[in-house]
Amino acid sequence: MSILLAECVSPSVVKIDQNRYTVTSGTQVGFSSSGARKEVYDLAIEFCEGMSKGMVQVNIKTEEGRLARNPPSAMLVFECE
């Protein structure tokens, strides 16, 4: 009998350009993407505030959770200005 263990990964900010970053949710459960959206916004705001700047959204992609298919998710692309 095989037991699969899922590794919990905390979302983190990743630099994708000179002043552009992305963060993807990774800890949400359920069906609504609202928690995932809040998670990525909170992380992006905290990241930019750490540089004494404000977060400016470039793009956000969300996906609602589907039973037995995928958890809700959000991916935010942002800049710090």
N, C-alpha and C. Protein backbone atom coordinates (compact mmCIF):
# COMPACT_ATOMS: atom_id res chain seq x y z
N MET A 1 0.85 -1.19 0.00
CA MET A 1 0.00 0.00 0.00
C MET A 1 0.88 1.24 0.00
N SER A 2 0.62 2.14 -0.90
CA SER A 2 1.39 3.38 -0.99
C SER A 2 0.66 4.50 -0.28
N ILE A 3 1.43 5.30 0.39
CA ILE A 3 0.87 6.48 1.04
C ILE A 3 1.53 7.69 0.41
N LEU A 4 0.72 8.57 -0.14
CA LEU A 4 1.24 9.79 -0.74
C LEU A 4 1.14 10.92 0.26
N LEU A 5 2.22 11.60 0.45
CA LEU A 5 2.24 12.73 1.37
C LEU A 5 2.35 14.01 0.56
N ALA A 6 1.45 14.92 0.80
CA ALA A 6 1.49 16.21 0.12
C ALA A 6 2.35 17.16 0.92
N GLU A 7 3.27 17.80 0.27
CA GLU A 7 4.14 18.76 0.93
C GLU A 7 3.45 20.11 0.95
N CYS A 8 3.36 20.71 2.12
CA CYS A 8 2.76 22.03 2.24
C CYS A 8 3.81 23.07 1.91
N VAL A 9 3.51 23.90 0.96
CA VAL A 9 4.45 24.93 0.54
C VAL A 9 3.82 26.28 0.80
N SER A 10 4.53 27.11 1.53
CA SER A 10 4.03 28.46 1.78
C SER A 10 4.24 29.31 0.54
N PRO A 11 3.27 30.13 0.20
CA PRO A 11 3.45 31.00 -0.94
C PRO A 11 4.56 32.01 -0.67
N SER A 12 5.31 32.33 -1.69
CA SER A 12 6.36 33.33 -1.54
C SER A 12 6.42 34.20 -2.78
N VAL A 13 6.98 35.37 -2.62
CA VAL A 13 7.11 36.33 -3.71
C VAL A 13 8.29 35.93 -4.58
N VAL A 14 8.09 35.95 -5.89
CA VAL A 14 9.13 35.61 -6.85
C VAL A 14 9.32 36.79 -7.80
N LYS A 15 10.56 37.22 -7.96
CA LYS A 15 10.87 38.33 -8.87
C LYS A 15 10.85 37.79 -10.30
N ILE A 16 10.10 38.48 -11.19
CA ILE A 16 10.02 38.04 -12.57
C ILE A 16 10.55 39.07 -13.56
N ASP A 17 10.88 40.26 -13.07
CA ASP A 17 11.38 41.34 -13.91
C ASP A 17 12.08 42.33 -12.98
N GLN A 18 12.58 43.42 -13.56
CA GLN A 18 13.31 44.40 -12.75
C GLN A 18 12.49 44.90 -11.57
N ASN A 19 11.23 45.25 -11.79
CA ASN A 19 10.38 45.74 -10.70
C ASN A 19 9.04 45.01 -10.70
N ARG A 20 9.00 43.79 -11.20
CA ARG A 20 7.75 43.04 -11.28
C ARG A 20 7.92 41.71 -10.54
N TYR A 21 6.88 41.38 -9.78
CA TYR A 21 6.92 40.19 -8.93
C TYR A 21 5.62 39.40 -9.10
N THR A 22 5.65 38.15 -8.66
CA THR A 22 4.45 37.33 -8.66
C THR A 22 4.37 36.54 -7.36
N VAL A 23 3.17 36.24 -6.96
CA VAL A 23 2.93 35.36 -5.81
C VAL A 23 1.69 34.54 -6.13
N THR A 24 1.75 33.25 -5.79
CA THR A 24 0.66 32.33 -6.05
C THR A 24 0.20 31.73 -4.73
N SER A 25 -1.10 31.63 -4.55
CA SER A 25 -1.63 31.05 -3.31
C SER A 25 -1.26 29.58 -3.25
N GLY A 26 -1.18 29.06 -2.04
CA GLY A 26 -0.81 27.68 -1.91
C GLY A 26 -1.39 26.98 -0.70
N THR A 27 -2.22 27.66 0.07
CA THR A 27 -2.68 27.05 1.32
C THR A 27 -4.20 27.03 1.46
N GLN A 28 -4.92 27.40 0.44
CA GLN A 28 -6.37 27.51 0.56
C GLN A 28 -7.07 26.18 0.32
N VAL A 29 -8.20 26.00 0.98
CA VAL A 29 -9.05 24.84 0.78
C VAL A 29 -10.47 25.34 0.52
N GLY A 30 -11.32 24.48 0.04
CA GLY A 30 -12.71 24.85 -0.21
C GLY A 30 -12.96 25.08 -1.68
N PHE A 31 -13.93 25.95 -1.98
CA PHE A 31 -14.32 26.18 -3.37
C PHE A 31 -14.15 27.62 -3.82
N SER A 32 -14.27 28.59 -2.91
CA SER A 32 -14.20 30.00 -3.28
C SER A 32 -12.76 30.48 -3.36
N SER A 33 -12.47 31.26 -4.39
CA SER A 33 -11.12 31.80 -4.56
C SER A 33 -10.90 33.07 -3.73
N SER A 34 -11.91 33.51 -2.98
CA SER A 34 -11.76 34.76 -2.21
C SER A 34 -10.64 34.67 -1.18
N GLY A 35 -10.49 33.53 -0.51
CA GLY A 35 -9.41 33.36 0.47
C GLY A 35 -8.05 33.37 -0.20
N ALA A 36 -7.94 32.73 -1.36
CA ALA A 36 -6.69 32.71 -2.11
C ALA A 36 -6.33 34.12 -2.59
N ARG A 37 -7.33 34.85 -3.04
CA ARG A 37 -7.12 36.23 -3.49
C ARG A 37 -6.60 37.10 -2.33
N LYS A 38 -7.23 36.98 -1.16
CA LYS A 38 -6.79 37.74 0.00
C LYS A 38 -5.37 37.38 0.38
N GLU A 39 -5.05 36.09 0.34
CA GLU A 39 -3.72 35.63 0.69
C GLU A 39 -2.64 36.27 -0.18
N VAL A 40 -2.84 36.28 -1.50
CA VAL A 40 -1.80 36.85 -2.37
C VAL A 40 -1.71 38.37 -2.24
N TYR A 41 -2.87 39.04 -2.07
CA TYR A 41 -2.83 40.49 -1.85
C TYR A 41 -2.09 40.83 -0.56
N ASP A 42 -2.40 40.12 0.51
CA ASP A 42 -1.74 40.40 1.80
C ASP A 42 -0.22 40.21 1.70
N LEU A 43 0.20 39.14 1.03
CA LEU A 43 1.64 38.89 0.89
C LEU A 43 2.32 39.96 0.03
N ALA A 44 1.67 40.37 -1.04
CA ALA A 44 2.24 41.39 -1.92
C ALA A 44 2.34 42.74 -1.21
N ILE A 45 1.30 43.10 -0.48
CA ILE A 45 1.31 44.37 0.26
C ILE A 45 2.42 44.36 1.30
N GLU A 46 2.53 43.27 2.05
CA GLU A 46 3.57 43.15 3.07
C GLU A 46 4.96 43.22 2.45
N PHE A 47 5.14 42.57 1.31
CA PHE A 47 6.42 42.58 0.61
C PHE A 47 6.82 44.00 0.22
N CYS A 48 5.89 44.73 -0.41
CA CYS A 48 6.18 46.10 -0.85
C CYS A 48 6.38 47.04 0.34
N GLU A 49 5.59 46.87 1.39
CA GLU A 49 5.75 47.71 2.57
C GLU A 49 7.13 47.51 3.19
N GLY A 50 7.69 46.31 3.06
CA GLY A 50 9.03 46.04 3.55
C GLY A 50 10.10 46.86 2.84
N MET A 51 9.76 47.36 1.66
CA MET A 51 10.67 48.25 0.90
C MET A 51 10.20 49.69 0.97
N SER A 52 9.24 49.97 1.88
CA SER A 52 8.64 51.30 2.03
C SER A 52 8.01 51.78 0.73
N LYS A 53 7.34 50.87 0.05
CA LYS A 53 6.65 51.19 -1.21
C LYS A 53 5.23 50.65 -1.15
N GLY A 54 4.45 51.04 -2.12
CA GLY A 54 3.08 50.55 -2.22
C GLY A 54 2.97 49.50 -3.31
N MET A 55 2.01 48.58 -3.15
CA MET A 55 1.80 47.53 -4.13
C MET A 55 0.85 48.00 -5.22
N VAL A 56 1.22 47.76 -6.47
CA VAL A 56 0.38 48.09 -7.61
C VAL A 56 0.12 46.80 -8.39
N GLN A 57 -1.15 46.43 -8.49
CA GLN A 57 -1.53 45.22 -9.20
C GLN A 57 -1.32 45.39 -10.70
N VAL A 58 -0.69 44.41 -11.33
CA VAL A 58 -0.54 44.37 -12.77
C VAL A 58 -1.59 43.43 -13.35
N ASN A 59 -1.73 42.25 -12.72
CA ASN A 59 -2.67 41.24 -13.21
C ASN A 59 -2.97 40.26 -12.08
N ILE A 60 -4.18 39.72 -12.09
CA ILE A 60 -4.51 38.65 -11.15
C ILE A 60 -5.34 37.61 -11.89
N LYS A 61 -5.03 36.35 -11.62
CA LYS A 61 -5.78 35.24 -12.19
C LYS A 61 -6.27 34.38 -11.04
N THR A 62 -7.57 34.12 -11.00
CA THR A 62 -8.14 33.29 -9.94
C THR A 62 -8.85 32.10 -10.55
N GLU A 63 -8.95 31.04 -9.76
CA GLU A 63 -9.69 29.86 -10.19
C GLU A 63 -10.44 29.31 -8.99
N GLU A 64 -11.71 29.09 -9.17
CA GLU A 64 -12.53 28.53 -8.11
C GLU A 64 -12.14 27.07 -7.90
N GLY A 65 -12.31 26.57 -6.67
CA GLY A 65 -12.02 25.17 -6.38
C GLY A 65 -13.09 24.27 -6.99
N ARG A 66 -12.67 23.05 -7.35
CA ARG A 66 -13.60 22.06 -7.89
C ARG A 66 -13.43 20.77 -7.11
N LEU A 67 -14.53 20.19 -6.69
CA LEU A 67 -14.53 18.98 -5.90
C LEU A 67 -13.72 17.88 -6.59
N ALA A 68 -12.75 17.35 -5.88
CA ALA A 68 -11.89 16.25 -6.35
C ALA A 68 -11.05 16.62 -7.57
N ARG A 69 -10.93 17.90 -7.88
CA ARG A 69 -10.12 18.31 -9.03
C ARG A 69 -9.00 19.26 -8.64
N ASN A 70 -9.35 20.38 -8.04
CA ASN A 70 -8.33 21.35 -7.66
C ASN A 70 -8.84 22.27 -6.56
N PRO A 71 -7.92 22.77 -5.72
CA PRO A 71 -8.30 23.74 -4.69
C PRO A 71 -8.43 25.12 -5.34
N PRO A 72 -9.05 26.06 -4.66
CA PRO A 72 -9.11 27.42 -5.20
C PRO A 72 -7.70 28.00 -5.26
N SER A 73 -7.47 28.89 -6.22
CA SER A 73 -6.13 29.46 -6.36
C SER A 73 -6.19 30.90 -6.86
N ALA A 74 -5.08 31.59 -6.67
CA ALA A 74 -4.92 32.94 -7.19
C ALA A 74 -3.45 33.17 -7.48
N MET A 75 -3.18 33.85 -8.60
CA MET A 75 -1.82 34.24 -8.95
C MET A 75 -1.84 35.74 -9.24
N LEU A 76 -1.06 36.48 -8.48
CA LEU A 76 -1.00 37.93 -8.59
C LEU A 76 0.35 38.35 -9.16
N VAL A 77 0.32 39.21 -10.17
CA VAL A 77 1.52 39.86 -10.68
C VAL A 77 1.42 41.31 -10.25
N PHE A 78 2.50 41.83 -9.65
CA PHE A 78 2.44 43.19 -9.09
C PHE A 78 3.79 43.88 -9.19
N GLU A 79 3.76 45.19 -8.96
CA GLU A 79 4.96 46.00 -8.87
C GLU A 79 4.94 46.75 -7.55
N CYS A 80 6.11 47.13 -7.08
CA CYS A 80 6.21 47.96 -5.89
C CYS A 80 6.65 49.35 -6.30
N GLU A 81 5.83 50.34 -6.00
CA GLU A 81 6.14 51.73 -6.37
C GLU A 81 6.03 52.64 -5.16
